[in-house]
PDB file of N, CA and C in Angstrom:
ATOM      1  N   MET A   1     163.526  84.616 -30.703  1.00  0.00           N
ATOM      2  CA  MET A   1     163.513  84.690 -29.212  1.00  0.00           C
ATOM      3  C   MET A   1     161.972  83.374 -29.127  1.00  0.00           C
ATOM      4  N   PRO A   2     161.767  82.617 -28.078  1.00  0.00           N
ATOM      5  CA  PRO A   2     160.696  81.916 -27.746  1.00  0.00           C
ATOM      6  C   PRO A   2     159.722  82.558 -26.997  1.00  0.00           C
ATOM      7  N   LEU A   3     158.307  82.346 -27.265  1.00  0.00           N
ATOM      8  CA  LEU A   3     157.973  82.975 -26.555  1.00  0.00           C
ATOM      9  C   LEU A   3     156.374  82.261 -25.710  1.00  0.00           C
ATOM     10  N   THR A   4     156.565  82.293 -24.460  1.00  0.00           N
ATOM     11  CA  THR A   4     156.240  81.943 -23.129  1.00  0.00           C
ATOM     12  C   THR A   4     154.474  82.459 -23.023  1.00  0.00           C
ATOM     13  N   SER A   5     153.485  81.355 -22.581  1.00  0.00           N
ATOM     14  CA  SER A   5     152.487  82.004 -21.911  1.00  0.00           C
ATOM     15  C   SER A   5     152.976  82.737 -20.463  1.00  0.00           C
ATOM     16  N   GLU A   6     153.916  82.248 -20.400  1.00  0.00           N
ATOM     17  CA  GLU A   6     154.455  82.887 -18.189  1.00  0.00           C
ATOM     18  C   GLU A   6     154.431  84.270 -18.955  1.00  0.00           C
ATOM     19  N   ARG A   7     155.159  85.071 -19.255  1.00  0.00           N
ATOM     20  CA  ARG A   7     156.034  85.987 -19.448  1.00  0.00           C
ATOM     21  C   ARG A   7     156.379  86.560 -21.039  1.00  0.00           C
ATOM     22  N   PHE A   8     154.630  86.225 -21.403  1.00  0.00           N
ATOM     23  CA  PHE A   8     154.311  86.651 -23.292  1.00  0.00           C
ATOM     24  C   PHE A   8     154.333  88.096 -23.128  1.00  0.00           C
ATOM     25  N   TRP A   9     154.235  88.750 -22.355  1.00  0.00           N
ATOM     26  CA  TRP A   9     154.312  90.374 -22.179  1.00  0.00           C
ATOM     27  C   TRP A   9     156.207  90.808 -22.880  1.00  0.00           C
ATOM     28  N   LEU A  10     156.610  89.958 -21.768  1.00  0.00           N
ATOM     29  CA  LEU A  10     158.167  90.475 -21.739  1.00  0.00           C
ATOM     30  C   LEU A  10     158.998  89.577 -23.635  1.00  0.00           C
ATOM     31  N   ASP A  11     158.653  88.872 -23.794  1.00  0.00           N
ATOM     32  CA  ASP A  11     159.328  87.915 -24.288  1.00  0.00           C
ATOM     33  C   ASP A  11     158.736  87.718 -25.832  1.00  0.00           C
ATOM     34  N   TRP A  12     157.634  88.832 -25.854  1.00  0.00           N
ATOM     35  CA  TRP A  12     157.103  89.991 -26.821  1.00  0.00           C
ATOM     36  C   TRP A  12     157.887  91.161 -27.551  1.00  0.00           C
ATOM     37  N   ASP A  13     158.044  91.723 -26.156  1.00  0.00           N
ATOM     38  CA  ASP A  13     158.431  93.215 -26.173  1.00  0.00           C
ATOM     39  C   ASP A  13     160.029  92.807 -26.656  1.00  0.00           C
ATOM     40  N   THR A  14     160.583  91.640 -26.118  1.00  0.00           N
ATOM     41  CA  THR A  14     162.176  91.418 -26.222  1.00  0.00           C
ATOM     42  C   THR A  14     162.464  91.051 -27.950  1.00  0.00           C
ATOM     43  N   ALA A  15     161.354  90.628 -28.291  1.00  0.00           N
ATOM     44  CA  ALA A  15     161.320  89.514 -29.826  1.00  0.00           C
ATOM     45  C   ALA A  15     161.364  91.504 -30.992  1.00  0.00           C
ATOM     46  N   VAL A  16     160.266  92.113 -30.366  1.00  0.00           N
ATOM     47  CA  VAL A  16     160.284  92.781 -31.363  1.00  0.00           C
ATOM     48  C   VAL A  16     161.087  94.088 -31.369  1.00  0.00           C
ATOM     49  N   SER A  17     161.615  93.834 -29.993  1.00  0.00           N
ATOM     50  CA  SER A  17     162.737  95.029 -29.381  1.00  0.00           C
ATOM     51  C   SER A  17     164.018  94.959 -30.186  1.00  0.00           C
ATOM     52  N   ILE A  18     164.728  93.443 -30.674  1.00  0.00           N
ATOM     53  CA  ILE A  18     165.285  92.799 -31.543  1.00  0.00           C
ATOM     54  C   ILE A  18     166.352  93.820 -32.798  1.00  0.00           C
ATOM     55  N   THR A  19     164.967  93.865 -33.546  1.00  0.00           N
ATOM     56  CA  THR A  19     165.544  94.809 -34.597  1.00  0.00           C
ATOM     57  C   THR A  19     164.443  95.525 -35.078  1.00  0.00           C
ATOM     58  N   GLY A  20     162.939  96.378 -34.374  1.00  0.00           N
ATOM     59  CA  GLY A  20     162.146  96.611 -34.189  1.00  0.00           C
ATOM     60  C   GLY A  20     162.440  98.329 -33.635  1.00  0.00           C
ATOM     61  N   HIS A  21     163.752  98.605 -32.987  1.00  0.00           N
ATOM     62  CA  HIS A  21     163.736 100.004 -31.654  1.00  0.00           C
ATOM     63  C   HIS A  21     165.306 100.548 -32.345  1.00  0.00           C
ATOM     64  N   ASP A  22     165.606 101.636 -32.168  1.00  0.00           N
ATOM     65  CA  ASP A  22     166.803 101.781 -32.894  1.00  0.00           C
ATOM     66  C   ASP A  22     167.228 101.418 -33.673  1.00  0.00           C
ATOM     67  N   ILE A  23     166.974 101.647 -34.584  1.00  0.00           N
ATOM     68  CA  ILE A  23     167.237 101.219 -36.161  1.00  0.00           C
ATOM     69  C   ILE A  23     168.370 101.788 -36.626  1.00  0.00           C
ATOM     70  N   GLU A  24     169.007 103.242 -35.951  1.00  0.00           N
ATOM     71  CA  GLU A  24     170.001 103.227 -36.830  1.00  0.00           C
ATOM     72  C   GLU A  24     171.302 102.694 -36.030  1.00  0.00           C
ATOM     73  N   ILE A  25     171.241 102.462 -34.365  1.00  0.00           N
ATOM     74  CA  ILE A  25     172.025 101.415 -33.898  1.00  0.00           C
ATOM     75  C   ILE A  25     172.454 100.288 -34.629  1.00  0.00           C
ATOM     76  N   LYS A  26     171.032  99.002 -34.824  1.00  0.00           N
ATOM     77  CA  LYS A  26     171.174  98.233 -35.355  1.00  0.00           C
ATOM     78  C   LYS A  26     171.807  98.353 -36.822  1.00  0.00           C
ATOM     79  N   GLN A  27     171.662  99.660 -37.834  1.00  0.00           N
ATOM     80  CA  GLN A  27     172.254  99.293 -38.879  1.00  0.00           C
ATOM     81  C   GLN A  27     173.568  99.519 -38.981  1.00  0.00           C
ATOM     82  N   THR A  28     174.239 100.466 -37.629  1.00  0.00           N
ATOM     83  CA  THR A  28     175.270 100.348 -37.711  1.00  0.00           C
ATOM     84  C   THR A  28     175.797  98.713 -36.617  1.00  0.00           C
ATOM     85  N   TYR A  29     175.320  98.302 -36.185  1.00  0.00           N
ATOM     86  CA  TYR A  29     175.905  96.780 -35.888  1.00  0.00           C
ATOM     87  C   TYR A  29     176.195  96.101 -37.111  1.00  0.00           C
ATOM     88  N   GLU A  30     174.799  95.680 -38.028  1.00  0.00           N
ATOM     89  CA  GLU A  30     175.178  95.674 -38.942  1.00  0.00           C
ATOM     90  C   GLU A  30     176.301  95.472 -39.993  1.00  0.00           C
ATOM     91  N   ALA A  31     176.807  96.840 -40.259  1.00  0.00           N
ATOM     92  CA  ALA A  31     177.837  97.332 -41.082  1.00  0.00           C
ATOM     93  C   ALA A  31     178.775  96.711 -40.223  1.00  0.00           C
ATOM     94  N   LEU A  32     179.044  96.771 -38.469  1.00  0.00           N
ATOM     95  CA  LEU A  32     180.282  96.424 -38.219  1.00  0.00           C
ATOM     96  C   LEU A  32     180.095  94.916 -38.134  1.00  0.00           C
ATOM     97  N   ILE A  33     179.610  94.451 -37.969  1.00  0.00           N
ATOM     98  CA  ILE A  33     179.333  93.077 -38.112  1.00  0.00           C
ATOM     99  C   ILE A  33     180.011  92.248 -39.449  1.00  0.00           C
ATOM    100  N   GLY A  34     179.330  93.088 -40.401  1.00  0.00           N
ATOM    101  CA  GLY A  34     179.436  92.106 -42.311  1.00  0.00           C
ATOM    102  C   GLY A  34     181.018  92.796 -42.407  1.00  0.00           C
ATOM    103  N   SER A  35     181.376  94.236 -42.070  1.00  0.00           N
ATOM    104  CA  SER A  35     182.787  94.394 -42.240  1.00  0.00           C
ATOM    105  C   SER A  35     183.613  93.192 -42.673  1.00  0.00           C
ATOM    106  N   SER A  36     184.864  93.870 -43.109  1.00  0.00           N
ATOM    107  CA  SER A  36     186.125  93.039 -43.777  1.00  0.00           C
ATOM    108  C   SER A  36     186.396  92.680 -42.041  1.00  0.00           C
ATOM    109  N   GLU A  37     186.394  93.940 -41.514  1.00  0.00           N
ATOM    110  CA  GLU A  37     187.268  93.435 -40.070  1.00  0.00           C
ATOM    111  C   GLU A  37     185.961  93.353 -38.673  1.00  0.00           C
ATOM    112  N   PRO A  38     184.951  92.722 -38.839  1.00  0.00           N
ATOM    113  CA  PRO A  38     184.329  92.882 -37.151  1.00  0.00           C
ATOM    114  C   PRO A  38     184.851  93.033 -36.426  1.00  0.00           C
ATOM    115  N   PRO A  39     184.121  93.019 -35.142  1.00  0.00           N
ATOM    116  CA  PRO A  39     184.426  93.619 -34.366  1.00  0.00           C
ATOM    117  C   PRO A  39     185.350  92.030 -33.337  1.00  0.00           C
ATOM    118  N   GLU A  40     186.146  91.825 -32.623  1.00  0.00           N
ATOM    119  CA  GLU A  40     186.530  90.779 -31.778  1.00  0.00           C
ATOM    120  C   GLU A  40     185.368  90.501 -31.154  1.00  0.00           C
ATOM    121  N   LEU A  41     185.515  91.543 -29.678  1.00  0.00           N
ATOM    122  CA  LEU A  41     184.480  92.179 -28.908  1.00  0.00           C
ATOM    123  C   LEU A  41     183.453  93.305 -28.414  1.00  0.00           C
ATOM    124  N   PHE A  42     182.586  92.601 -28.279  1.00  0.00           N
ATOM    125  CA  PHE A  42     181.170  93.396 -28.043  1.00  0.00           C
ATOM    126  C   PHE A  42     181.175  93.290 -26.089  1.00  0.00           C
ATOM    127  N   ILE A  43     181.193  94.622 -25.847  1.00  0.00           N
ATOM    128  CA  ILE A  43     181.272  95.522 -24.023  1.00  0.00           C
ATOM    129  C   ILE A  43     179.624  95.788 -24.102  1.00  0.00           C
ATOM    130  N   ASP A  44     178.618  95.588 -23.603  1.00  0.00           N
ATOM    131  CA  ASP A  44     177.548  96.043 -23.039  1.00  0.00           C
ATOM    132  C   ASP A  44     176.944  96.072 -21.510  1.00  0.00           C
ATOM    133  N   ILE A  45     177.119  97.281 -21.684  1.00  0.00           N
ATOM    134  CA  ILE A  45     177.068  97.909 -19.987  1.00  0.00           C
ATOM    135  C   ILE A  45     175.777  98.540 -19.801  1.00  0.00           C
ATOM    136  N   GLY A  46     174.869  97.823 -18.849  1.00  0.00           N
ATOM    137  CA  GLY A  46     174.152  98.234 -18.743  1.00  0.00           C
ATOM    138  C   GLY A  46     172.678  97.503 -19.725  1.00  0.00           C
ATOM    139  N   ALA A  47     173.117  96.351 -19.617  1.00  0.00           N
ATOM    140  CA  ALA A  47     172.839  95.439 -20.805  1.00  0.00           C
ATOM    141  C   ALA A  47     171.310  95.516 -20.728  1.00  0.00           C
ATOM    142  N   ASN A  48     170.573  95.474 -19.702  1.00  0.00           N
ATOM    143  CA  ASN A  48     169.311  95.546 -19.531  1.00  0.00           C
ATOM    144  C   ASN A  48     168.976  93.927 -19.994  1.00  0.00           C
ATOM    145  N   TYR A  49     167.877  93.602 -20.850  1.00  0.00           N
ATOM    146  CA  TYR A  49     167.853  92.235 -21.431  1.00  0.00           C
ATOM    147  C   TYR A  49     168.951  91.498 -22.288  1.00  0.00           C
ATOM    148  N   GLY A  50     169.486  92.195 -22.500  1.00  0.00           N
ATOM    149  CA  GLY A  50     171.011  91.631 -23.671  1.00  0.00           C
ATOM    150  C   GLY A  50     170.712  91.499 -25.223  1.00  0.00           C
ATOM    151  N   THR A  51     169.455  92.538 -25.806  1.00  0.00           N
ATOM    152  CA  THR A  51     168.917  91.960 -26.640  1.00  0.00           C
ATOM    153  C   THR A  51     170.228  92.754 -27.781  1.00  0.00           C
ATOM    154  N   HIS A  52     171.054  93.475 -27.721  1.00  0.00           N
ATOM    155  CA  HIS A  52     171.796  93.936 -27.920  1.00  0.00           C
ATOM    156  C   HIS A  52     173.259  92.921 -28.342  1.00  0.00           C
ATOM    157  N   SER A  53     173.495  92.459 -27.151  1.00  0.00           N
ATOM    158  CA  SER A  53     174.149  91.483 -26.980  1.00  0.00           C
ATOM    159  C   SER A  53     173.726  90.535 -27.824  1.00  0.00           C
ATOM    160  N   LEU A  54     173.049  89.994 -28.016  1.00  0.00           N
ATOM    161  CA  LEU A  54     172.226  88.771 -28.319  1.00  0.00           C
ATOM    162  C   LEU A  54     172.799  89.157 -30.204  1.00  0.00           C
ATOM    163  N   LEU A  55     172.424  89.978 -30.479  1.00  0.00           N
ATOM    164  CA  LEU A  55     173.049  90.415 -31.964  1.00  0.00           C
ATOM    165  C   LEU A  55     174.385  89.992 -32.365  1.00  0.00           C
ATOM    166  N   PHE A  56     175.028  89.970 -31.379  1.00  0.00           N
ATOM    167  CA  PHE A  56     176.714  89.919 -31.349  1.00  0.00           C
ATOM    168  C   PHE A  56     177.043  88.878 -31.369  1.00  0.00           C
ATOM    169  N   LEU A  57     176.321  87.868 -30.406  1.00  0.00           N
ATOM    170  CA  LEU A  57     176.568  86.385 -30.244  1.00  0.00           C
ATOM    171  C   LEU A  57     176.090  85.642 -31.157  1.00  0.00           C
ATOM    172  N   VAL A  58     174.662  85.502 -31.604  1.00  0.00           N
ATOM    173  CA  VAL A  58     174.873  85.330 -33.062  1.00  0.00           C
ATOM    174  C   VAL A  58     175.577  85.116 -33.884  1.00  0.00           C
ATOM    175  N   HIS A  59     176.582  86.165 -34.152  1.00  0.00           N
ATOM    176  CA  HIS A  59     177.252  85.733 -34.941  1.00  0.00           C
ATOM    177  C   HIS A  59     178.706  85.797 -34.644  1.00  0.00           C
ATOM    178  N   GLN A  60     178.778  85.055 -33.282  1.00  0.00           N
ATOM    179  CA  GLN A  60     179.892  84.275 -32.878  1.00  0.00           C
ATOM    180  C   GLN A  60     181.110  85.691 -32.367  1.00  0.00           C
ATOM    181  N   ILE A  61     180.792  87.033 -32.046  1.00  0.00           N
ATOM    182  CA  ILE A  61     181.631  88.030 -31.367  1.00  0.00           C
ATOM    183  C   ILE A  61     181.428  87.394 -29.702  1.00  0.00           C
ATOM    184  N   LYS A  62     182.442  87.664 -29.303  1.00  0.00           N
ATOM    185  CA  LYS A  62     182.425  87.392 -27.901  1.00  0.00           C
ATOM    186  C   LYS A  62     181.924  88.908 -27.254  1.00  0.00           C
ATOM    187  N   THR A  63     181.115  88.683 -26.235  1.00  0.00           N
ATOM    188  CA  THR A  63     180.391  89.861 -25.184  1.00  0.00           C
ATOM    189  C   THR A  63     180.521  89.751 -24.010  1.00  0.00           C
ATOM    190  N   ILE A  64     180.675  90.393 -23.838  1.00  0.00           N
ATOM    191  CA  ILE A  64     180.688  91.156 -22.140  1.00  0.00           C
ATOM    192  C   ILE A  64     179.627  91.758 -21.806  1.00  0.00           C
ATOM    193  N   THR A  65     178.467  91.321 -20.864  1.00  0.00           N
ATOM    194  CA  THR A  65     177.301  91.784 -21.229  1.00  0.00           C
ATOM    195  C   THR A  65     176.854  91.839 -19.717  1.00  0.00           C
ATOM    196  N   PHE A  66     177.186  93.266 -19.285  1.00  0.00           N
ATOM    197  CA  PHE A  66     176.800  92.886 -17.763  1.00  0.00           C
ATOM    198  C   PHE A  66     175.719  94.422 -17.398  1.00  0.00           C
ATOM    199  N   GLU A  67     174.843  93.479 -16.149  1.00  0.00           N
ATOM    200  CA  GLU A  67     173.838  93.796 -16.175  1.00  0.00           C
ATOM    201  C   GLU A  67     173.153  93.791 -14.523  1.00  0.00           C
ATOM    202  N   PRO A  68     172.932  94.464 -13.412  1.00  0.00           N
ATOM    203  CA  PRO A  68     173.294  94.342 -11.954  1.00  0.00           C
ATOM    204  C   PRO A  68     171.759  93.588 -11.847  1.00  0.00           C
ATOM    205  N   ASN A  69     170.698  93.812 -12.544  1.00  0.00           N
ATOM    206  CA  ASN A  69     169.505  93.841 -11.925  1.00  0.00           C
ATOM    207  C   ASN A  69     169.228  91.817 -12.513  1.00  0.00           C
ATOM    208  N   ALA A  70     169.160  91.520 -11.602  1.00  0.00           N
ATOM    209  CA  ALA A  70     169.149  90.015 -11.189  1.00  0.00           C
ATOM    210  C   ALA A  70     167.971  89.137 -11.891  1.00  0.00           C
ATOM    211  N   SER A  71     167.002  90.008 -12.319  1.00  0.00           N
ATOM    212  CA  SER A  71     166.028  88.839 -13.222  1.00  0.00           C
ATOM    213  C   SER A  71     166.215  89.558 -14.227  1.00  0.00           C
ATOM    214  N   CYS A  72     166.891  90.678 -14.846  1.00  0.00           N
ATOM    215  CA  CYS A  72     167.334  90.532 -16.452  1.00  0.00           C
ATOM    216  C   CYS A  72     168.531  89.913 -16.607  1.00  0.00           C
ATOM    217  N   HIS A  73     169.390  89.507 -15.481  1.00  0.00           N
ATOM    218  CA  HIS A  73     170.210  88.966 -16.159  1.00  0.00           C
ATOM    219  C   HIS A  73     169.904  87.412 -16.559  1.00  0.00           C
ATOM    220  N   ASP A  74     168.862  86.932 -15.442  1.00  0.00           N
ATOM    221  CA  ASP A  74     168.133  85.336 -15.680  1.00  0.00           C
ATOM    222  C   ASP A  74     167.772  85.484 -17.399  1.00  0.00           C
ATOM    223  N   PHE A  75     166.689  86.467 -17.051  1.00  0.00           N
ATOM    224  CA  PHE A  75     165.987  86.720 -19.043  1.00  0.00           C
ATOM    225  C   PHE A  75     166.911  86.507 -19.921  1.00  0.00           C
ATOM    226  N   PHE A  76     167.982  86.577 -19.525  1.00  0.00           N
ATOM    227  CA  PHE A  76     169.378  87.009 -20.959  1.00  0.00           C
ATOM    228  C   PHE A  76     169.963  85.648 -20.569  1.00  0.00           C
ATOM    229  N   GLN A  77     170.281  85.143 -20.075  1.00  0.00           N
ATOM    230  CA  GLN A  77     171.121  83.664 -19.886  1.00  0.00           C
ATOM    231  C   GLN A  77     169.802  82.556 -20.256  1.00  0.00           C
ATOM    232  N   GLY A  78     168.404  82.730 -20.121  1.00  0.00           N
ATOM    233  CA  GLY A  78     167.055  81.742 -21.012  1.00  0.00           C
ATOM    234  C   GLY A  78     167.285  81.840 -21.993  1.00  0.00           C
ATOM    235  N   ASN A  79     167.773  83.435 -22.802  1.00  0.00           N
ATOM    236  CA  ASN A  79     167.667  83.167 -23.841  1.00  0.00           C
ATOM    237  C   ASN A  79     168.751  83.075 -25.028  1.00  0.00           C
ATOM    238  N   MET A  80     170.239  82.917 -23.864  1.00  0.00           N
ATOM    239  CA  MET A  80     171.491  82.474 -24.719  1.00  0.00           C
ATOM    240  C   MET A  80     171.027  81.551 -24.895  1.00  0.00           C
TER     241      MET A  80
END
């Protein structure tokens, strides 16, 4: 994750949340992605900043990410 001085608080929080929060969920994702039949599609409804979607996108798994808050959407697009 890029860290910028303009929004360091948000960049840092996002970087930490990718692996440091919701450990059980991240372990489930790891098992799914690493399985012999990984998912073809991940749907993230209410994605906030899209950190869950990013975990699937980096493994070339198609993702539908929905977040109605435009500022969250812009941040997610910037991280992609």
